[in-house]
């Protein structure tokens, strides 16, 4: 809606062997009947990563696909709307 013509990209993320080793994450064998494409001998849950590490992985994945031109346009439009609302007497919630 705010960025017509923008392509949405979905990317599957996974905990890597390096992350498991670096953060001493618990592992378990794959569940019986596990049908996803997987060649490893053990699994771990993304939730076992420290929150700051998980946030950094997600942030990096998102920003790698970000179109900075579109982002700048959206931020400018947001700023223009904020200024308009302020000129009409609407103030941000002081919370």
N, C-alpha and C. Protein backbone atom coordinates (compact mmCIF):
# COMPACT_ATOMS: atom_id res chain seq x y z
N UNK A 1 0.82 -1.18 0.00
CA UNK A 1 0.00 0.00 0.00
C UNK A 1 0.87 1.26 0.00
N UNK A 2 1.87 1.32 0.87
CA UNK A 2 2.73 2.50 0.93
C UNK A 2 3.88 2.44 -0.06
N UNK A 3 4.12 1.28 -0.65
CA UNK A 3 5.23 1.13 -1.58
C UNK A 3 4.79 0.30 -2.77
N UNK A 4 3.90 0.86 -3.61
CA UNK A 4 3.42 0.07 -4.76
C UNK A 4 4.57 -0.37 -5.65
N UNK A 5 4.47 -1.59 -6.13
CA UNK A 5 5.49 -2.12 -7.02
C UNK A 5 6.68 -2.73 -6.29
N UNK A 6 6.66 -2.66 -4.97
CA UNK A 6 7.77 -3.22 -4.20
C UNK A 6 7.65 -4.74 -4.17
N UNK A 7 8.76 -5.39 -4.40
CA UNK A 7 8.80 -6.86 -4.37
C UNK A 7 9.03 -7.34 -2.94
N UNK A 8 8.23 -8.30 -2.51
CA UNK A 8 8.40 -8.90 -1.20
C UNK A 8 9.21 -10.18 -1.39
N UNK A 9 10.29 -10.31 -0.62
CA UNK A 9 11.16 -11.47 -0.72
C UNK A 9 11.11 -12.24 0.59
N UNK A 10 10.84 -13.52 0.51
CA UNK A 10 10.86 -14.38 1.68
C UNK A 10 12.14 -15.20 1.65
N UNK A 11 12.78 -15.29 2.78
CA UNK A 11 14.05 -16.02 2.87
C UNK A 11 13.98 -16.95 4.06
N UNK A 12 14.29 -18.21 3.86
CA UNK A 12 14.32 -19.17 4.96
C UNK A 12 15.65 -19.01 5.69
N UNK A 13 15.55 -18.86 6.99
CA UNK A 13 16.74 -18.73 7.83
C UNK A 13 16.88 -19.99 8.66
N UNK A 14 18.10 -20.30 9.03
CA UNK A 14 18.34 -21.50 9.83
C UNK A 14 19.51 -21.27 10.78
N UNK A 15 19.50 -22.00 11.85
CA UNK A 15 20.64 -22.00 12.77
C UNK A 15 21.74 -22.81 12.08
N UNK A 16 22.92 -22.24 12.01
CA UNK A 16 24.04 -22.92 11.34
C UNK A 16 24.86 -23.74 12.33
N UNK A 17 25.66 -24.63 11.78
CA UNK A 17 26.57 -25.42 12.63
C UNK A 17 27.50 -24.49 13.40
N UNK A 18 27.92 -23.42 12.76
CA UNK A 18 28.81 -22.45 13.42
C UNK A 18 28.13 -21.80 14.62
N UNK A 19 26.85 -21.45 14.45
CA UNK A 19 26.10 -20.85 15.57
C UNK A 19 25.97 -21.84 16.72
N UNK A 20 25.71 -23.09 16.38
CA UNK A 20 25.59 -24.13 17.41
C UNK A 20 26.88 -24.23 18.21
N UNK A 21 28.01 -24.25 17.50
CA UNK A 21 29.31 -24.36 18.17
C UNK A 21 29.64 -23.09 18.95
N UNK A 22 29.46 -21.93 18.32
CA UNK A 22 29.82 -20.65 18.97
C UNK A 22 29.02 -20.40 20.24
N UNK A 23 27.76 -20.81 20.25
CA UNK A 23 26.88 -20.50 21.38
C UNK A 23 26.56 -21.72 22.24
N UNK A 24 27.22 -22.83 21.95
CA UNK A 24 27.03 -24.06 22.74
C UNK A 24 25.55 -24.40 22.87
N UNK A 25 24.86 -24.43 21.72
CA UNK A 25 23.42 -24.67 21.72
C UNK A 25 23.11 -26.16 21.87
N UNK A 26 22.01 -26.48 22.53
CA UNK A 26 21.61 -27.88 22.65
C UNK A 26 21.11 -28.41 21.30
N UNK A 27 21.37 -29.67 21.05
CA UNK A 27 20.92 -30.29 19.81
C UNK A 27 20.13 -31.56 20.13
N UNK A 28 19.40 -32.03 19.14
CA UNK A 28 18.63 -33.27 19.25
C UNK A 28 18.59 -33.90 17.87
N UNK A 29 18.40 -35.21 17.81
CA UNK A 29 18.28 -35.84 16.49
C UNK A 29 17.00 -35.37 15.81
N UNK A 30 16.98 -35.37 14.47
CA UNK A 30 15.75 -34.99 13.77
C UNK A 30 14.60 -35.92 14.18
N UNK A 31 13.40 -35.36 14.23
CA UNK A 31 12.23 -36.16 14.58
C UNK A 31 11.96 -37.20 13.50
N UNK A 32 11.44 -38.34 13.92
CA UNK A 32 11.08 -39.39 12.97
C UNK A 32 10.03 -38.84 12.02
N UNK A 33 10.17 -39.15 10.74
CA UNK A 33 9.21 -38.67 9.75
C UNK A 33 9.44 -37.23 9.34
N UNK A 34 10.61 -36.67 9.66
CA UNK A 34 10.93 -35.30 9.29
C UNK A 34 11.07 -35.23 7.78
N UNK A 35 10.21 -34.46 7.11
CA UNK A 35 10.15 -34.48 5.65
C UNK A 35 10.79 -33.28 4.96
N UNK A 36 11.24 -32.30 5.71
CA UNK A 36 11.85 -31.15 5.06
C UNK A 36 13.22 -31.52 4.52
N UNK A 37 13.69 -30.72 3.58
CA UNK A 37 15.02 -30.93 3.03
C UNK A 37 16.04 -30.67 4.13
N UNK A 38 16.74 -31.70 4.55
CA UNK A 38 17.66 -31.57 5.67
C UNK A 38 18.71 -32.67 5.56
N UNK A 39 19.97 -32.29 5.62
CA UNK A 39 21.03 -33.29 5.49
C UNK A 39 21.82 -33.48 6.77
N UNK A 40 21.46 -32.75 7.82
CA UNK A 40 22.22 -32.84 9.06
C UNK A 40 21.83 -34.03 9.91
N UNK A 41 22.60 -34.24 10.97
CA UNK A 41 22.34 -35.35 11.88
C UNK A 41 21.73 -34.87 13.20
N UNK A 42 21.67 -33.56 13.40
CA UNK A 42 21.08 -33.03 14.62
C UNK A 42 20.34 -31.73 14.30
N UNK A 43 19.45 -31.36 15.21
CA UNK A 43 18.68 -30.13 15.03
C UNK A 43 18.79 -29.29 16.30
N UNK A 44 18.47 -28.04 16.18
CA UNK A 44 18.36 -27.15 17.34
C UNK A 44 17.29 -26.12 17.02
N UNK A 45 16.73 -25.54 18.02
CA UNK A 45 15.68 -24.55 17.85
C UNK A 45 16.30 -23.15 17.79
N UNK A 46 15.79 -22.30 16.91
CA UNK A 46 16.28 -20.93 16.81
C UNK A 46 16.11 -20.20 18.13
N UNK A 47 15.09 -20.56 18.89
CA UNK A 47 14.81 -19.90 20.16
C UNK A 47 15.92 -20.12 21.19
N UNK A 48 16.81 -21.09 20.94
CA UNK A 48 17.91 -21.32 21.89
C UNK A 48 19.05 -20.33 21.70
N UNK A 49 19.03 -19.58 20.60
CA UNK A 49 20.03 -18.54 20.41
C UNK A 49 19.79 -17.41 21.41
N UNK A 50 20.85 -16.78 21.90
CA UNK A 50 20.64 -15.61 22.76
C UNK A 50 19.80 -14.57 22.01
N UNK A 51 18.90 -13.89 22.70
CA UNK A 51 18.00 -12.94 22.02
C UNK A 51 18.71 -11.91 21.16
N UNK A 52 19.85 -11.39 21.61
CA UNK A 52 20.56 -10.39 20.82
C UNK A 52 21.12 -10.98 19.53
N UNK A 53 21.55 -12.24 19.58
CA UNK A 53 22.08 -12.91 18.39
C UNK A 53 20.94 -13.18 17.40
N UNK A 54 19.83 -13.69 17.90
CA UNK A 54 18.67 -13.95 17.04
C UNK A 54 18.20 -12.65 16.39
N UNK A 55 18.13 -11.57 17.17
CA UNK A 55 17.72 -10.28 16.63
C UNK A 55 18.69 -9.80 15.54
N UNK A 56 19.98 -10.02 15.75
CA UNK A 56 20.98 -9.60 14.75
C UNK A 56 20.84 -10.40 13.46
N UNK A 57 20.57 -11.71 13.58
CA UNK A 57 20.38 -12.55 12.39
C UNK A 57 19.16 -12.06 11.61
N UNK A 58 18.08 -11.81 12.32
CA UNK A 58 16.86 -11.33 11.65
C UNK A 58 17.07 -9.95 11.03
N UNK A 59 17.72 -9.06 11.77
CA UNK A 59 17.97 -7.71 11.26
C UNK A 59 18.82 -7.76 9.98
N UNK A 60 19.85 -8.59 9.98
CA UNK A 60 20.72 -8.70 8.81
C UNK A 60 19.96 -9.25 7.60
N UNK A 61 19.11 -10.24 7.83
CA UNK A 61 18.32 -10.81 6.73
C UNK A 61 17.36 -9.77 6.16
N UNK A 62 16.74 -8.99 7.03
CA UNK A 62 15.79 -7.96 6.57
C UNK A 62 16.53 -6.86 5.80
N UNK A 63 17.60 -6.34 6.39
CA UNK A 63 18.28 -5.22 5.75
C UNK A 63 18.97 -5.62 4.46
N UNK A 64 19.31 -6.90 4.30
CA UNK A 64 19.96 -7.32 3.05
C UNK A 64 19.01 -7.20 1.86
N UNK A 65 17.72 -7.16 2.13
CA UNK A 65 16.73 -7.05 1.06
C UNK A 65 16.10 -5.66 0.98
N UNK A 66 16.49 -4.77 1.86
CA UNK A 66 15.86 -3.46 1.93
C UNK A 66 16.30 -2.58 0.76
N UNK A 67 15.32 -1.97 0.13
CA UNK A 67 15.58 -1.00 -0.93
C UNK A 67 15.68 0.37 -0.26
N UNK A 68 16.89 0.89 -0.16
CA UNK A 68 17.11 2.13 0.58
C UNK A 68 16.38 3.31 -0.04
N UNK A 69 16.19 3.30 -1.35
CA UNK A 69 15.45 4.38 -2.01
C UNK A 69 14.00 4.38 -1.54
N UNK A 70 13.39 3.20 -1.52
CA UNK A 70 12.00 3.09 -1.07
C UNK A 70 11.89 3.47 0.40
N UNK A 71 12.84 3.01 1.22
CA UNK A 71 12.82 3.35 2.63
C UNK A 71 12.90 4.86 2.83
N UNK A 72 13.80 5.52 2.11
CA UNK A 72 13.94 6.97 2.23
C UNK A 72 12.64 7.68 1.84
N UNK A 73 11.99 7.22 0.78
CA UNK A 73 10.73 7.81 0.36
C UNK A 73 9.65 7.63 1.42
N UNK A 74 9.58 6.44 2.02
CA UNK A 74 8.59 6.19 3.06
C UNK A 74 8.85 7.04 4.30
N UNK A 75 10.09 7.18 4.69
CA UNK A 75 10.42 8.00 5.85
C UNK A 75 10.12 9.46 5.60
N UNK A 76 10.36 9.93 4.38
CA UNK A 76 10.04 11.31 4.03
C UNK A 76 8.54 11.54 4.07
N UNK A 77 7.78 10.60 3.51
CA UNK A 77 6.32 10.71 3.52
C UNK A 77 5.79 10.71 4.97
N UNK A 78 6.36 9.87 5.80
CA UNK A 78 5.97 9.81 7.21
C UNK A 78 6.26 11.14 7.89
N UNK A 79 7.42 11.71 7.62
CA UNK A 79 7.79 13.00 8.21
C UNK A 79 6.84 14.10 7.74
N UNK A 80 6.49 14.10 6.46
CA UNK A 80 5.55 15.09 5.94
C UNK A 80 4.19 14.98 6.63
N UNK A 81 3.71 13.75 6.83
CA UNK A 81 2.42 13.54 7.50
C UNK A 81 2.48 13.99 8.95
N UNK A 82 3.61 13.72 9.61
CA UNK A 82 3.77 14.14 11.00
C UNK A 82 3.73 15.66 11.10
N UNK A 83 4.44 16.34 10.19
CA UNK A 83 4.44 17.80 10.21
C UNK A 83 3.04 18.36 9.94
N UNK A 84 2.31 17.74 9.02
CA UNK A 84 0.94 18.17 8.73
C UNK A 84 0.07 18.03 9.98
N UNK A 85 0.14 16.89 10.63
CA UNK A 85 -0.66 16.68 11.84
C UNK A 85 -0.28 17.68 12.93
N UNK A 86 1.00 17.94 13.08
CA UNK A 86 1.43 18.92 14.09
C UNK A 86 0.90 20.31 13.75
N UNK A 87 0.88 20.67 12.45
CA UNK A 87 0.38 21.99 12.06
C UNK A 87 -1.12 22.11 12.29
N UNK A 88 -1.81 20.99 12.35
CA UNK A 88 -3.25 20.98 12.61
C UNK A 88 -3.55 20.89 14.11
N UNK A 89 -2.50 20.87 14.93
CA UNK A 89 -2.69 20.86 16.37
C UNK A 89 -2.63 19.50 17.03
N UNK A 90 -2.35 18.47 16.25
CA UNK A 90 -2.22 17.14 16.83
C UNK A 90 -0.78 16.98 17.32
N UNK A 91 -0.64 16.59 18.56
CA UNK A 91 0.70 16.39 19.12
C UNK A 91 0.92 14.90 19.35
N UNK A 92 2.16 14.46 19.22
CA UNK A 92 2.44 13.05 19.53
C UNK A 92 2.03 12.74 20.97
N UNK A 93 1.60 11.55 21.21
CA UNK A 93 1.18 11.10 22.53
C UNK A 93 2.36 11.22 23.49
N UNK A 94 2.17 11.95 24.54
CA UNK A 94 3.24 12.13 25.52
C UNK A 94 3.41 10.91 26.41
N UNK A 95 2.50 9.96 26.25
CA UNK A 95 2.57 8.67 26.82
C UNK A 95 2.56 8.41 28.22
